[in-house]
Amino acid sequence: MQFTSREDIEAPIEHVFAEVADFQRFERAALRRGAEVQRTDSLAEPGPGMSWQARFKLRGRMRDLTLRLVRFDPPNSLALEAVAATLDGQMTVELLALSRWRTRMSVDVTLRARSLAGRLVLQSLKLARNNVTKRFRLRVAEYALDLEERYKRVS
């Protein structure tokens, strides 16, 4: 199952990539929401091979997730792979400079079932596809707006 969204951001591509690749900010955000997040690699600089273990409560059960950065191409794109007990996923963020001060961000999330339970999860997502897609696009749009506001505060 695949979800895609595209947003235009009033900020230079370098700034947008720096924000998208601010992994410590995402770690802190997950911790504030009650997740346990631990970085499992020993890389000093951001790049392919970075990895995290996460544990969080979702729908009443504890879930374990392994994340790995598989592509890191500043300032154009990055890709993460996620592995959970029932699902595999990949998220790709691609950036395109439309002008010196405007960037197009494309976010693509793909989910694949690893088990029968994963197939059931994907089937329920497919039944609610319109609602899930709308919520996904709304979250990406909110994130893009947040990036614009942070750029305006800095510049």
N, C-alpha and C. Protein backbone atom coordinates (compact mmCIF):
# COMPACT_ATOMS: atom_id res chain seq x y z
N MET A 1 0.85 -1.17 0.00
CA MET A 1 0.00 0.00 0.00
C MET A 1 0.90 1.23 0.00
N GLN A 2 0.50 2.23 -0.76
CA GLN A 2 1.36 3.40 -0.94
C GLN A 2 0.57 4.68 -0.68
N PHE A 3 1.25 5.62 0.00
CA PHE A 3 0.70 6.95 0.23
C PHE A 3 1.71 7.96 -0.29
N THR A 4 1.22 8.97 -1.00
CA THR A 4 2.11 10.00 -1.51
C THR A 4 1.52 11.38 -1.24
N SER A 5 2.40 12.34 -1.08
CA SER A 5 1.98 13.71 -0.89
C SER A 5 3.06 14.63 -1.44
N ARG A 6 2.65 15.78 -1.93
CA ARG A 6 3.59 16.75 -2.48
C ARG A 6 3.19 18.13 -1.97
N GLU A 7 4.17 18.85 -1.44
CA GLU A 7 3.92 20.19 -0.91
C GLU A 7 5.00 21.15 -1.38
N ASP A 8 4.61 22.37 -1.69
CA ASP A 8 5.56 23.43 -2.02
C ASP A 8 5.81 24.25 -0.76
N ILE A 9 7.09 24.51 -0.49
CA ILE A 9 7.51 25.18 0.74
C ILE A 9 8.26 26.45 0.38
N GLU A 10 7.91 27.54 1.04
CA GLU A 10 8.58 28.83 0.82
C GLU A 10 9.86 28.89 1.64
N ALA A 11 10.86 28.12 1.22
CA ALA A 11 12.16 28.09 1.89
C ALA A 11 13.16 27.46 0.92
N PRO A 12 14.44 27.81 1.05
CA PRO A 12 15.46 27.22 0.17
C PRO A 12 15.62 25.72 0.43
N ILE A 13 16.03 25.00 -0.60
CA ILE A 13 16.16 23.55 -0.50
C ILE A 13 17.13 23.13 0.60
N GLU A 14 18.20 23.90 0.81
CA GLU A 14 19.19 23.55 1.84
C GLU A 14 18.56 23.59 3.22
N HIS A 15 17.74 24.60 3.47
CA HIS A 15 17.07 24.71 4.77
C HIS A 15 16.08 23.57 4.96
N VAL A 16 15.30 23.28 3.93
CA VAL A 16 14.30 22.22 4.03
C VAL A 16 14.98 20.88 4.28
N PHE A 17 16.08 20.60 3.57
CA PHE A 17 16.77 19.33 3.79
C PHE A 17 17.34 19.26 5.20
N ALA A 18 17.91 20.36 5.68
CA ALA A 18 18.46 20.37 7.04
C ALA A 18 17.38 20.06 8.07
N GLU A 19 16.18 20.57 7.86
CA GLU A 19 15.08 20.29 8.78
C GLU A 19 14.60 18.85 8.66
N VAL A 20 14.46 18.36 7.43
CA VAL A 20 14.00 16.99 7.21
C VAL A 20 15.01 15.99 7.76
N ALA A 21 16.28 16.33 7.72
CA ALA A 21 17.34 15.42 8.18
C ALA A 21 17.76 15.69 9.62
N ASP A 22 16.97 16.46 10.36
CA ASP A 22 17.25 16.72 11.78
C ASP A 22 16.68 15.56 12.59
N PHE A 23 17.39 14.46 12.61
CA PHE A 23 16.91 13.24 13.23
C PHE A 23 16.75 13.38 14.74
N GLN A 24 17.59 14.19 15.37
CA GLN A 24 17.46 14.38 16.82
C GLN A 24 16.14 15.05 17.17
N ARG A 25 15.66 15.95 16.33
CA ARG A 25 14.36 16.59 16.57
C ARG A 25 13.24 15.55 16.53
N PHE A 26 13.31 14.62 15.57
CA PHE A 26 12.29 13.57 15.48
C PHE A 26 12.38 12.63 16.67
N GLU A 27 13.60 12.32 17.12
CA GLU A 27 13.77 11.48 18.31
C GLU A 27 13.11 12.14 19.52
N ARG A 28 13.38 13.43 19.73
CA ARG A 28 12.79 14.15 20.86
C ARG A 28 11.27 14.20 20.76
N ALA A 29 10.74 14.39 19.55
CA ALA A 29 9.29 14.43 19.36
C ALA A 29 8.66 13.09 19.73
N ALA A 30 9.30 11.99 19.34
CA ALA A 30 8.79 10.66 19.68
C ALA A 30 8.85 10.43 21.18
N LEU A 31 9.93 10.86 21.82
CA LEU A 31 10.07 10.72 23.27
C LEU A 31 8.98 11.51 24.00
N ARG A 32 8.67 12.72 23.51
CA ARG A 32 7.60 13.53 24.12
C ARG A 32 6.25 12.85 24.01
N ARG A 33 6.06 12.03 22.99
CA ARG A 33 4.79 11.33 22.80
C ARG A 33 4.76 9.98 23.52
N GLY A 34 5.79 9.69 24.29
CA GLY A 34 5.78 8.47 25.10
C GLY A 34 6.50 7.28 24.51
N ALA A 35 7.12 7.42 23.37
CA ALA A 35 7.85 6.30 22.76
C ALA A 35 9.24 6.18 23.39
N GLU A 36 9.78 4.99 23.35
CA GLU A 36 11.17 4.77 23.73
C GLU A 36 11.96 4.70 22.43
N VAL A 37 12.96 5.56 22.28
CA VAL A 37 13.75 5.60 21.05
C VAL A 37 15.22 5.51 21.42
N GLN A 38 15.92 4.62 20.74
CA GLN A 38 17.35 4.47 21.00
C GLN A 38 18.08 4.35 19.67
N ARG A 39 19.10 5.16 19.51
CA ARG A 39 19.92 5.08 18.30
C ARG A 39 20.86 3.89 18.44
N THR A 40 20.95 3.07 17.40
CA THR A 40 21.70 1.82 17.50
C THR A 40 22.96 1.79 16.66
N ASP A 41 23.29 2.88 15.97
CA ASP A 41 24.52 2.90 15.17
C ASP A 41 25.56 3.74 15.90
N SER A 42 26.75 3.79 15.34
CA SER A 42 27.82 4.58 15.95
C SER A 42 28.39 5.61 14.97
N LEU A 43 27.60 6.00 13.98
CA LEU A 43 28.06 6.98 13.00
C LEU A 43 28.13 8.37 13.62
N ALA A 44 29.19 9.09 13.32
CA ALA A 44 29.35 10.45 13.84
C ALA A 44 28.57 11.46 13.00
N GLU A 45 28.51 11.24 11.70
CA GLU A 45 27.81 12.14 10.78
C GLU A 45 26.57 11.45 10.22
N PRO A 46 25.52 12.20 9.92
CA PRO A 46 24.34 11.59 9.30
C PRO A 46 24.70 10.93 7.97
N GLY A 47 24.16 9.75 7.74
CA GLY A 47 24.41 9.06 6.49
C GLY A 47 23.79 7.68 6.49
N PRO A 48 23.84 7.00 5.35
CA PRO A 48 23.29 5.65 5.27
C PRO A 48 23.89 4.76 6.35
N GLY A 49 23.04 3.95 6.95
CA GLY A 49 23.50 3.08 8.02
C GLY A 49 23.04 3.55 9.39
N MET A 50 22.58 4.80 9.50
CA MET A 50 22.03 5.24 10.78
C MET A 50 20.83 4.37 11.09
N SER A 51 20.66 4.01 12.36
CA SER A 51 19.54 3.14 12.71
C SER A 51 19.03 3.44 14.12
N TRP A 52 17.77 3.09 14.34
CA TRP A 52 17.10 3.33 15.61
C TRP A 52 16.22 2.14 15.96
N GLN A 53 16.06 1.91 17.25
CA GLN A 53 15.07 0.98 17.78
C GLN A 53 14.03 1.84 18.48
N ALA A 54 12.77 1.57 18.22
CA ALA A 54 11.69 2.33 18.86
C ALA A 54 10.68 1.35 19.44
N ARG A 55 10.12 1.75 20.56
CA ARG A 55 9.08 0.96 21.21
C ARG A 55 8.00 1.95 21.64
N PHE A 56 6.75 1.67 21.26
CA PHE A 56 5.67 2.59 21.56
C PHE A 56 4.36 1.83 21.69
N LYS A 57 3.40 2.47 22.32
CA LYS A 57 2.09 1.87 22.49
C LYS A 57 1.17 2.36 21.38
N LEU A 58 0.54 1.43 20.69
CA LEU A 58 -0.40 1.76 19.62
C LEU A 58 -1.59 0.83 19.71
N ARG A 59 -2.76 1.40 19.83
CA ARG A 59 -4.00 0.63 19.95
C ARG A 59 -3.93 -0.39 21.07
N GLY A 60 -3.39 0.04 22.21
CA GLY A 60 -3.39 -0.78 23.40
C GLY A 60 -2.27 -1.81 23.52
N ARG A 61 -1.42 -1.90 22.51
CA ARG A 61 -0.33 -2.89 22.56
C ARG A 61 1.01 -2.21 22.33
N MET A 62 2.05 -2.79 22.93
CA MET A 62 3.40 -2.28 22.71
C MET A 62 3.89 -2.78 21.35
N ARG A 63 4.48 -1.89 20.58
CA ARG A 63 4.99 -2.22 19.25
C ARG A 63 6.48 -1.93 19.22
N ASP A 64 7.22 -2.78 18.54
CA ASP A 64 8.66 -2.58 18.34
C ASP A 64 8.91 -2.29 16.88
N LEU A 65 9.80 -1.35 16.63
CA LEU A 65 10.08 -0.90 15.27
C LEU A 65 11.58 -0.66 15.12
N THR A 66 12.13 -1.12 14.02
CA THR A 66 13.53 -0.85 13.69
C THR A 66 13.54 0.06 12.47
N LEU A 67 14.23 1.19 12.58
CA LEU A 67 14.35 2.14 11.47
C LEU A 67 15.79 2.20 11.01
N ARG A 68 15.98 2.31 9.70
CA ARG A 68 17.34 2.40 9.15
C ARG A 68 17.34 3.41 8.01
N LEU A 69 18.32 4.30 8.02
CA LEU A 69 18.49 5.26 6.93
C LEU A 69 19.22 4.56 5.79
N VAL A 70 18.56 4.44 4.64
CA VAL A 70 19.16 3.69 3.52
C VAL A 70 19.67 4.60 2.41
N ARG A 71 19.17 5.84 2.36
CA ARG A 71 19.68 6.77 1.35
C ARG A 71 19.74 8.17 1.97
N PHE A 72 20.85 8.85 1.71
CA PHE A 72 21.06 10.19 2.26
C PHE A 72 21.83 10.98 1.21
N ASP A 73 21.10 11.79 0.44
CA ASP A 73 21.67 12.52 -0.69
C ASP A 73 21.38 14.02 -0.53
N PRO A 74 22.16 14.72 0.33
CA PRO A 74 21.89 16.15 0.54
C PRO A 74 22.11 16.95 -0.73
N PRO A 75 21.32 17.91 -1.03
CA PRO A 75 20.07 18.30 -0.40
C PRO A 75 18.85 17.77 -1.16
N ASN A 76 18.99 16.63 -1.81
CA ASN A 76 17.93 16.16 -2.70
C ASN A 76 16.97 15.14 -2.12
N SER A 77 17.47 14.15 -1.36
CA SER A 77 16.57 13.11 -0.91
C SER A 77 17.15 12.33 0.26
N LEU A 78 16.24 11.62 0.92
CA LEU A 78 16.63 10.63 1.91
C LEU A 78 15.54 9.56 1.95
N ALA A 79 15.93 8.37 2.40
CA ALA A 79 14.98 7.26 2.47
C ALA A 79 15.24 6.48 3.75
N LEU A 80 14.15 6.08 4.39
CA LEU A 80 14.20 5.28 5.61
C LEU A 80 13.46 3.98 5.38
N GLU A 81 13.97 2.89 5.94
CA GLU A 81 13.27 1.61 5.95
C GLU A 81 12.84 1.31 7.37
N ALA A 82 11.65 0.78 7.53
CA ALA A 82 11.13 0.41 8.84
C ALA A 82 10.74 -1.06 8.81
N VAL A 83 11.06 -1.76 9.90
CA VAL A 83 10.70 -3.16 10.03
C VAL A 83 10.00 -3.34 11.37
N ALA A 84 8.80 -3.90 11.33
CA ALA A 84 8.04 -4.22 12.54
C ALA A 84 7.67 -5.70 12.46
N ALA A 85 6.99 -6.19 13.47
CA ALA A 85 6.66 -7.61 13.51
C ALA A 85 5.75 -8.02 12.34
N THR A 86 4.82 -7.16 11.97
CA THR A 86 3.85 -7.54 10.96
C THR A 86 3.97 -6.78 9.64
N LEU A 87 4.69 -5.65 9.65
CA LEU A 87 4.78 -4.80 8.46
C LEU A 87 6.21 -4.36 8.19
N ASP A 88 6.51 -4.15 6.92
CA ASP A 88 7.72 -3.47 6.48
C ASP A 88 7.27 -2.17 5.84
N GLY A 89 8.10 -1.16 5.93
CA GLY A 89 7.75 0.11 5.31
C GLY A 89 8.97 0.83 4.80
N GLN A 90 8.73 1.72 3.86
CA GLN A 90 9.79 2.58 3.36
C GLN A 90 9.20 3.97 3.17
N MET A 91 9.96 4.97 3.63
CA MET A 91 9.56 6.36 3.44
C MET A 91 10.66 7.07 2.67
N THR A 92 10.29 7.72 1.59
CA THR A 92 11.23 8.47 0.77
C THR A 92 10.78 9.93 0.76
N VAL A 93 11.73 10.82 1.02
CA VAL A 93 11.48 12.26 0.94
C VAL A 93 12.39 12.80 -0.16
N GLU A 94 11.79 13.39 -1.19
CA GLU A 94 12.56 13.97 -2.29
C GLU A 94 12.28 15.46 -2.33
N LEU A 95 13.33 16.23 -2.54
CA LEU A 95 13.22 17.69 -2.60
C LEU A 95 13.65 18.19 -3.96
N LEU A 96 12.95 19.19 -4.46
CA LEU A 96 13.25 19.78 -5.76
C LEU A 96 13.20 21.29 -5.60
N ALA A 97 14.29 21.96 -5.96
CA ALA A 97 14.33 23.42 -5.88
C ALA A 97 13.54 24.00 -7.05
N LEU A 98 12.43 24.65 -6.75
CA LEU A 98 11.62 25.29 -7.78
C LEU A 98 12.18 26.67 -8.11
N SER A 99 12.75 27.31 -7.12
CA SER A 99 13.45 28.58 -7.28
C SER A 99 14.41 28.69 -6.10
N ARG A 100 15.07 29.82 -6.01
CA ARG A 100 16.04 29.97 -4.93
C ARG A 100 15.37 29.91 -3.55
N TRP A 101 14.11 30.34 -3.46
CA TRP A 101 13.42 30.44 -2.18
C TRP A 101 12.21 29.51 -2.08
N ARG A 102 12.06 28.58 -3.00
CA ARG A 102 10.88 27.70 -3.00
C ARG A 102 11.32 26.27 -3.30
N THR A 103 10.80 25.33 -2.51
CA THR A 103 11.18 23.92 -2.63
C THR A 103 9.93 23.06 -2.68
N ARG A 104 9.93 22.07 -3.54
CA ARG A 104 8.85 21.08 -3.58
C ARG A 104 9.32 19.84 -2.82
N MET A 105 8.52 19.42 -1.85
CA MET A 105 8.81 18.23 -1.06
C MET A 105 7.81 17.14 -1.43
N SER A 106 8.33 16.00 -1.85
CA SER A 106 7.49 14.84 -2.15
C SER A 106 7.78 13.76 -1.11
N VAL A 107 6.72 13.28 -0.47
CA VAL A 107 6.85 12.24 0.55
C VAL A 107 6.10 11.02 0.06
N ASP A 108 6.77 9.88 0.08
CA ASP A 108 6.20 8.63 -0.40
C ASP A 108 6.39 7.57 0.69
N VAL A 109 5.30 6.97 1.14
CA VAL A 109 5.35 5.91 2.15
C VAL A 109 4.75 4.65 1.54
N THR A 110 5.50 3.55 1.63
CA THR A 110 5.05 2.26 1.12
C THR A 110 5.04 1.26 2.26
N LEU A 111 3.93 0.55 2.43
CA LEU A 111 3.81 -0.48 3.47
C LEU A 111 3.61 -1.83 2.81
N ARG A 112 4.27 -2.86 3.38
CA ARG A 112 4.12 -4.23 2.90
C ARG A 112 3.90 -5.15 4.09
N ALA A 113 3.04 -6.14 3.92
CA ALA A 113 2.76 -7.10 4.99
C ALA A 113 3.87 -8.12 5.10
N ARG A 114 4.19 -8.49 6.34
CA ARG A 114 5.17 -9.55 6.60
C ARG A 114 4.50 -10.82 7.08
N SER A 115 3.23 -10.73 7.45
CA SER A 115 2.53 -11.88 8.02
C SER A 115 1.04 -11.74 7.74
N LEU A 116 0.30 -12.74 8.17
CA LEU A 116 -1.15 -12.69 8.01
C LEU A 116 -1.73 -11.51 8.79
N ALA A 117 -1.22 -11.28 9.98
CA ALA A 117 -1.68 -10.13 10.78
C ALA A 117 -1.40 -8.82 10.04
N GLY A 118 -0.26 -8.74 9.38
CA GLY A 118 0.07 -7.56 8.59
C GLY A 118 -0.88 -7.38 7.42
N ARG A 119 -1.27 -8.48 6.81
CA ARG A 119 -2.24 -8.40 5.71
C ARG A 119 -3.58 -7.86 6.20
N LEU A 120 -3.97 -8.29 7.40
CA LEU A 120 -5.22 -7.79 7.97
C LEU A 120 -5.15 -6.29 8.24
N VAL A 121 -4.00 -5.84 8.75
CA VAL A 121 -3.82 -4.40 8.99
C VAL A 121 -3.91 -3.64 7.68
N LEU A 122 -3.22 -4.12 6.65
CA LEU A 122 -3.25 -3.44 5.35
C LEU A 122 -4.66 -3.47 4.75
N GLN A 123 -5.37 -4.58 4.94
CA GLN A 123 -6.73 -4.66 4.40
C GLN A 123 -7.63 -3.62 5.07
N SER A 124 -7.48 -3.45 6.39
CA SER A 124 -8.30 -2.44 7.07
C SER A 124 -7.91 -1.03 6.61
N LEU A 125 -6.62 -0.81 6.34
CA LEU A 125 -6.20 0.49 5.80
C LEU A 125 -6.78 0.72 4.40
N LYS A 126 -6.83 -0.33 3.60
CA LYS A 126 -7.39 -0.20 2.25
C LYS A 126 -8.88 0.15 2.31
N LEU A 127 -9.58 -0.41 3.29
CA LEU A 127 -11.00 -0.11 3.42
C LEU A 127 -11.22 1.36 3.80
N ALA A 128 -10.29 1.92 4.55
CA ALA A 128 -10.38 3.32 4.97
C ALA A 128 -9.41 4.19 4.19
N ARG A 129 -9.07 3.77 2.98
CA ARG A 129 -8.02 4.42 2.20
C ARG A 129 -8.22 5.92 2.04
N ASN A 130 -9.42 6.35 1.69
CA ASN A 130 -9.66 7.78 1.48
C ASN A 130 -9.39 8.58 2.74
N ASN A 131 -9.88 8.09 3.87
CA ASN A 131 -9.68 8.79 5.14
C ASN A 131 -8.20 8.80 5.53
N VAL A 132 -7.53 7.65 5.39
CA VAL A 132 -6.11 7.55 5.76
C VAL A 132 -5.27 8.44 4.84
N THR A 133 -5.56 8.43 3.56
CA THR A 133 -4.82 9.27 2.60
C THR A 133 -5.02 10.75 2.92
N LYS A 134 -6.24 11.13 3.24
CA LYS A 134 -6.53 12.52 3.59
C LYS A 134 -5.76 12.93 4.84
N ARG A 135 -5.73 12.08 5.86
CA ARG A 135 -5.00 12.38 7.10
C ARG A 135 -3.50 12.45 6.84
N PHE A 136 -2.98 11.55 6.00
CA PHE A 136 -1.55 11.57 5.66
C PHE A 136 -1.18 12.88 4.98
N ARG A 137 -1.96 13.27 3.99
CA ARG A 137 -1.67 14.51 3.26
C ARG A 137 -1.80 15.74 4.15
N LEU A 138 -2.76 15.71 5.07
CA LEU A 138 -2.92 16.81 6.01
C LEU A 138 -1.70 16.93 6.92
N ARG A 139 -1.18 15.80 7.41
CA ARG A 139 0.01 15.83 8.28
C ARG A 139 1.24 16.34 7.52
N VAL A 140 1.40 15.92 6.27
CA VAL A 140 2.53 16.41 5.47
C VAL A 140 2.38 17.91 5.23
N ALA A 141 1.16 18.37 4.95
CA ALA A 141 0.93 19.80 4.73
C ALA A 141 1.22 20.60 6.01
N GLU A 142 0.82 20.07 7.17
CA GLU A 142 1.11 20.75 8.44
C GLU A 142 2.62 20.81 8.67
N TYR A 143 3.31 19.73 8.36
CA TYR A 143 4.77 19.71 8.53
C TYR A 143 5.43 20.74 7.60
N ALA A 144 4.96 20.82 6.36
CA ALA A 144 5.50 21.79 5.40
C ALA A 144 5.28 23.22 5.90
N LEU A 145 4.10 23.49 6.43
CA LEU A 145 3.81 24.82 6.98
C LEU A 145 4.71 25.12 8.17
N ASP A 146 4.95 24.12 9.01
CA ASP A 146 5.85 24.28 10.15
C ASP A 146 7.28 24.60 9.68
N LEU A 147 7.73 23.93 8.61
CA LEU A 147 9.06 24.21 8.05
C LEU A 147 9.15 25.65 7.57
N GLU A 148 8.11 26.12 6.88
CA GLU A 148 8.08 27.51 6.41
C GLU A 148 8.18 28.49 7.57
N GLU A 149 7.40 28.24 8.62
CA GLU A 149 7.40 29.14 9.77
C GLU A 149 8.75 29.15 10.47
N ARG A 150 9.40 27.99 10.59
CA ARG A 150 10.72 27.95 11.21
C ARG A 150 11.74 28.71 10.37
N TYR A 151 11.62 28.61 9.03
CA TYR A 151 12.54 29.34 8.16
C TYR A 151 12.34 30.85 8.32
N LYS A 152 11.09 31.29 8.40
CA LYS A 152 10.81 32.72 8.56
C LYS A 152 11.37 33.25 9.87
N ARG A 153 11.33 32.43 10.93
CA ARG A 153 11.89 32.86 12.22
C ARG A 153 13.41 32.97 12.18
N VAL A 154 14.05 32.09 11.41
CA VAL A 154 15.52 32.07 11.34
C VAL A 154 16.03 33.18 10.43
N SER A 155 15.35 33.42 9.32
CA SER A 155 15.86 34.39 8.34
C SER A 155 15.45 35.81 8.65
